[in-house]
C-alpha atoms as a PDB file:
ATOM      1  CA  GLN A   1      -0.193   0.078   0.209  1.00  0.00           C
ATOM      2  CA  VAL A   2       1.568   3.711  -0.947  1.00  0.00           C
ATOM      3  CA  GLN A   3       1.592   5.736   1.631  1.00  0.00           C
ATOM      4  CA  LEU A   4       3.136   9.652   0.848  1.00  0.00           C
ATOM      5  CA  VAL A   5       4.482  11.997   4.377  1.00  0.00           C
ATOM      6  CA  GLU A   6       4.607  15.494   4.421  1.00  0.00           C
ATOM      7  CA  SER A   7       6.372  17.158   6.738  1.00  0.00           C
ATOM      8  CA  GLY A   8       8.586  20.706   7.333  1.00  0.00           C
ATOM      9  CA  GLY A   9       5.398  23.490   7.179  1.00  0.00           C
ATOM     10  CA  GLY A  10       5.000  25.787   9.318  1.00  0.00           C
ATOM     11  CA  LEU A  11       4.958  29.335   9.683  1.00  0.00           C
ATOM     12  CA  VAL A  12       7.059  32.017   8.143  1.00  0.00           C
ATOM     13  CA  GLN A  13       7.246  35.669   7.515  1.00  0.00           C
ATOM     14  CA  ALA A  14       6.516  37.029   3.886  1.00  0.00           C
ATOM     15  CA  GLY A  15       9.724  36.627   2.086  1.00  0.00           C
ATOM     16  CA  GLY A  16      11.260  33.575   3.479  1.00  0.00           C
ATOM     17  CA  SER A  17      11.230  30.304   3.154  1.00  0.00           C
ATOM     18  CA  LEU A  18      10.251  26.918   4.083  1.00  0.00           C
ATOM     19  CA  ARG A  19      10.570  23.222   2.687  1.00  0.00           C
ATOM     20  CA  LEU A  20       8.192  20.803   2.517  1.00  0.00           C
ATOM     21  CA  SER A  21       9.450  17.260   2.244  1.00  0.00           C
ATOM     22  CA  CYS A  22       6.998  13.717   1.337  1.00  0.00           C
ATOM     23  CA  ALA A  23       8.577  10.244   1.920  1.00  0.00           C
ATOM     24  CA  ALA A  24       7.442   8.071   0.118  1.00  0.00           C
ATOM     25  CA  SER A  25       6.606   3.399   0.619  1.00  0.00           C
ATOM     26  CA  GLY A  26       4.905   0.395  -0.819  1.00  0.00           C
ATOM     27  CA  ARG A  27       5.953   0.429  -4.366  1.00  0.00           C
ATOM     28  CA  THR A  28       8.402   1.597  -6.626  1.00  0.00           C
ATOM     29  CA  PHE A  29       9.038   5.158  -6.584  1.00  0.00           C
ATOM     30  CA  SER A  30      11.816   5.952  -8.946  1.00  0.00           C
ATOM     31  CA  ARG A  31       8.497   4.799 -11.542  1.00  0.00           C
ATOM     32  CA  TYR A  32       6.153   7.459 -11.201  1.00  0.00           C
ATOM     33  CA  THR A  33       6.018  11.384 -10.926  1.00  0.00           C
ATOM     34  CA  MET A  34       5.709  13.187  -8.031  1.00  0.00           C
ATOM     35  CA  GLY A  35       3.656  16.497  -7.451  1.00  0.00           C
ATOM     36  CA  TRP A  36       2.797  19.321  -4.701  1.00  0.00           C
ATOM     37  CA  PHE A  37      -0.973  20.675  -4.438  1.00  0.00           C
ATOM     38  CA  HIS A  38      -2.479  23.146  -2.431  1.00  0.00           C
ATOM     39  CA  GLN A  39      -5.944  24.586  -1.435  1.00  0.00           C
ATOM     40  CA  ALA A  40      -6.375  27.857   0.570  1.00  0.00           C
ATOM     41  CA  PRO A  41     -10.159  27.491   2.794  1.00  0.00           C
ATOM     42  CA  GLY A  42     -13.386  27.673   0.143  1.00  0.00           C
ATOM     43  CA  LYS A  43     -10.584  26.864  -2.618  1.00  0.00           C
ATOM     44  CA  GLU A  44     -10.300  23.908  -4.837  1.00  0.00           C
ATOM     45  CA  ARG A  45      -6.848  22.357  -4.662  1.00  0.00           C
ATOM     46  CA  GLU A  46      -4.724  23.299  -7.159  1.00  0.00           C
ATOM     47  CA  PHE A  47      -1.536  22.434  -9.175  1.00  0.00           C
ATOM     48  CA  VAL A  48       1.916  23.936  -7.802  1.00  0.00           C
ATOM     49  CA  ALA A  49       4.377  20.796  -8.939  1.00  0.00           C
ATOM     50  CA  ALA A  50       5.424  18.227 -10.694  1.00  0.00           C
ATOM     51  CA  ILE A  51       8.523  16.103 -11.175  1.00  0.00           C
ATOM     52  CA  SER A  52       8.773  13.390 -13.230  1.00  0.00           C
ATOM     53  CA  TRP A  53      10.263   9.899 -13.355  1.00  0.00           C
ATOM     54  CA  ASN A  54      13.284  11.005 -15.612  1.00  0.00           C
ATOM     55  CA  PHE A  55      13.900  14.348 -13.526  1.00  0.00           C
ATOM     56  CA  GLU A  56      11.146  16.996 -15.651  1.00  0.00           C
ATOM     57  CA  THR A  57       9.715  19.914 -12.960  1.00  0.00           C
ATOM     58  CA  PHE A  58       6.615  21.323 -14.714  1.00  0.00           C
ATOM     59  CA  TYR A  59       5.601  25.189 -12.083  1.00  0.00           C
ATOM     60  CA  ALA A  60       2.170  26.707 -12.064  1.00  0.00           C
ATOM     61  CA  ASP A  61       2.848  30.208 -13.290  1.00  0.00           C
ATOM     62  CA  SER A  62       2.321  31.435  -9.563  1.00  0.00           C
ATOM     63  CA  VAL A  63       5.232  29.995  -8.362  1.00  0.00           C
ATOM     64  CA  LYS A  64       7.942  29.646 -11.332  1.00  0.00           C
ATOM     65  CA  GLY A  65      10.923  30.670  -9.955  1.00  0.00           C
ATOM     66  CA  ARG A  66      10.464  30.873  -6.511  1.00  0.00           C
ATOM     67  CA  PHE A  67       9.639  27.162  -6.064  1.00  0.00           C
ATOM     68  CA  THR A  68      11.622  24.266  -6.431  1.00  0.00           C
ATOM     69  CA  ILE A  69      10.561  20.549  -6.526  1.00  0.00           C
ATOM     70  CA  SER A  70      13.436  17.871  -6.405  1.00  0.00           C
ATOM     71  CA  ARG A  71      13.702  13.758  -5.594  1.00  0.00           C
ATOM     72  CA  ASP A  72      15.562  11.513  -3.963  1.00  0.00           C
ATOM     73  CA  ASN A  73      15.163   8.067  -5.390  1.00  0.00           C
ATOM     74  CA  GLY A  74      17.467   6.761  -3.175  1.00  0.00           C
ATOM     75  CA  LYS A  75      15.592   7.849  -0.108  1.00  0.00           C
ATOM     76  CA  ASN A  76      11.773   7.929  -1.618  1.00  0.00           C
ATOM     77  CA  THR A  77      11.937  11.320  -1.510  1.00  0.00           C
ATOM     78  CA  VAL A  78      10.868  14.861  -3.059  1.00  0.00           C
ATOM     79  CA  ALA A  79      11.486  18.381  -1.571  1.00  0.00           C
ATOM     80  CA  LEU A  80       9.127  21.379  -2.198  1.00  0.00           C
ATOM     81  CA  GLN A  81      12.221  24.183  -1.858  1.00  0.00           C
ATOM     82  CA  MET A  82       9.744  27.517  -1.083  1.00  0.00           C
ATOM     83  CA  ASN A  83      11.154  31.051  -1.761  1.00  0.00           C
ATOM     84  CA  SER A  84       9.802  34.478  -1.485  1.00  0.00           C
ATOM     85  CA  LEU A  85       6.851  32.959   0.665  1.00  0.00           C
ATOM     86  CA  LYS A  86       3.741  36.069  -0.134  1.00  0.00           C
ATOM     87  CA  PRO A  87       1.263  35.228   1.628  1.00  0.00           C
ATOM     88  CA  GLU A  88      -1.009  34.444  -0.925  1.00  0.00           C
ATOM     89  CA  ASP A  89       0.861  30.901  -0.632  1.00  0.00           C
ATOM     90  CA  THR A  90      -1.033  30.203   3.071  1.00  0.00           C
ATOM     91  CA  ALA A  91      -2.559  26.894   2.184  1.00  0.00           C
ATOM     92  CA  VAL A  92      -2.032  23.164   3.781  1.00  0.00           C
ATOM     93  CA  TYR A  93      -0.219  21.583   0.610  1.00  0.00           C
ATOM     94  CA  PHE A  94      -0.786  18.223  -0.620  1.00  0.00           C
ATOM     95  CA  CYS A  95       2.101  15.397  -1.730  1.00  0.00           C
ATOM     96  CA  ALA A  96       0.785  13.296  -3.993  1.00  0.00           C
ATOM     97  CA  THR A  97       1.141  10.622  -6.700  1.00  0.00           C
ATOM     98  CA  VAL A  98       0.018   9.162  -9.949  1.00  0.00           C
ATOM     99  CA  ALA A  99      -1.490   5.881 -10.496  1.00  0.00           C
ATOM    100  CA  GLU A 100       0.472   5.822 -13.820  1.00  0.00           C
ATOM    101  CA  PRO A 101       3.852   4.439 -14.195  1.00  0.00           C
ATOM    102  CA  TYR A 102       6.191   6.822 -16.427  1.00  0.00           C
ATOM    103  CA  SER A 103       3.653   8.890 -17.295  1.00  0.00           C
ATOM    104  CA  THR A 104       3.007  12.482 -17.472  1.00  0.00           C
ATOM    105  CA  ALA A 105      -0.225  12.913 -18.371  1.00  0.00           C
ATOM    106  CA  PHE A 106      -2.429  15.700 -16.998  1.00  0.00           C
ATOM    107  CA  ILE A 107      -0.198  15.880 -14.229  1.00  0.00           C
ATOM    108  CA  THR A 108      -1.162  19.766 -13.607  1.00  0.00           C
ATOM    109  CA  THR A 109      -4.538  18.977 -12.647  1.00  0.00           C
ATOM    110  CA  THR A 110      -5.711  16.514  -9.978  1.00  0.00           C
ATOM    111  CA  ARG A 111      -6.724  13.150 -12.103  1.00  0.00           C
ATOM    112  CA  PRO A 112      -3.943  10.879 -12.316  1.00  0.00           C
ATOM    113  CA  TYR A 113      -2.810  11.225  -8.752  1.00  0.00           C
ATOM    114  CA  ASN A 114      -4.402   8.569  -7.385  1.00  0.00           C
ATOM    115  CA  TYR A 115      -2.082   8.585  -3.713  1.00  0.00           C
ATOM    116  CA  TRP A 116      -2.414  12.225  -1.640  1.00  0.00           C
ATOM    117  CA  GLY A 117      -0.695  12.569   2.006  1.00  0.00           C
ATOM    118  CA  GLN A 118      -2.371  14.006   4.696  1.00  0.00           C
ATOM    119  CA  GLY A 119      -0.938  17.403   4.277  1.00  0.00           C
ATOM    120  CA  THR A 120       1.129  20.239   5.746  1.00  0.00           C
ATOM    121  CA  GLN A 121      -0.005  24.093   6.707  1.00  0.00           C
ATOM    122  CA  VAL A 122       1.613  26.681   5.795  1.00  0.00           C
ATOM    123  CA  THR A 123       1.139  29.688   6.707  1.00  0.00           C
ATOM    124  CA  VAL A 124       2.687  33.164   5.480  1.00  0.00           C
ATOM    125  CA  SER A 125       2.151  36.220   7.302  1.00  0.00           C
ATOM    126  CA  SER A 126       2.279  39.577   5.845  1.00  0.00           C
END
């Protein structure tokens, strides 16, 4: 059974940085695209960033140049380095992985992701 466990959220002032981490278990991690999404109160879950099995990266326009996604296949982890944080980045951040190996189809939507972590809160104060 696939499990995803996020860590690293917290409270930070605007302009600060946080690093989120997600530990995966339960299948061959290196074959699957991993993604980060966030969800603010009253809003839908939104794509933030993704990294494919071959290390291709994808970002939402709102985070390009500020956030960096990376993966360590030896440790089965994916990280999201968040710099220059803004109050509008405040949300619960979720790690997710797709159902199909070696696929990047629709990865900027929630559609292909079938496993999700429990989420970690990120709060950016102004």
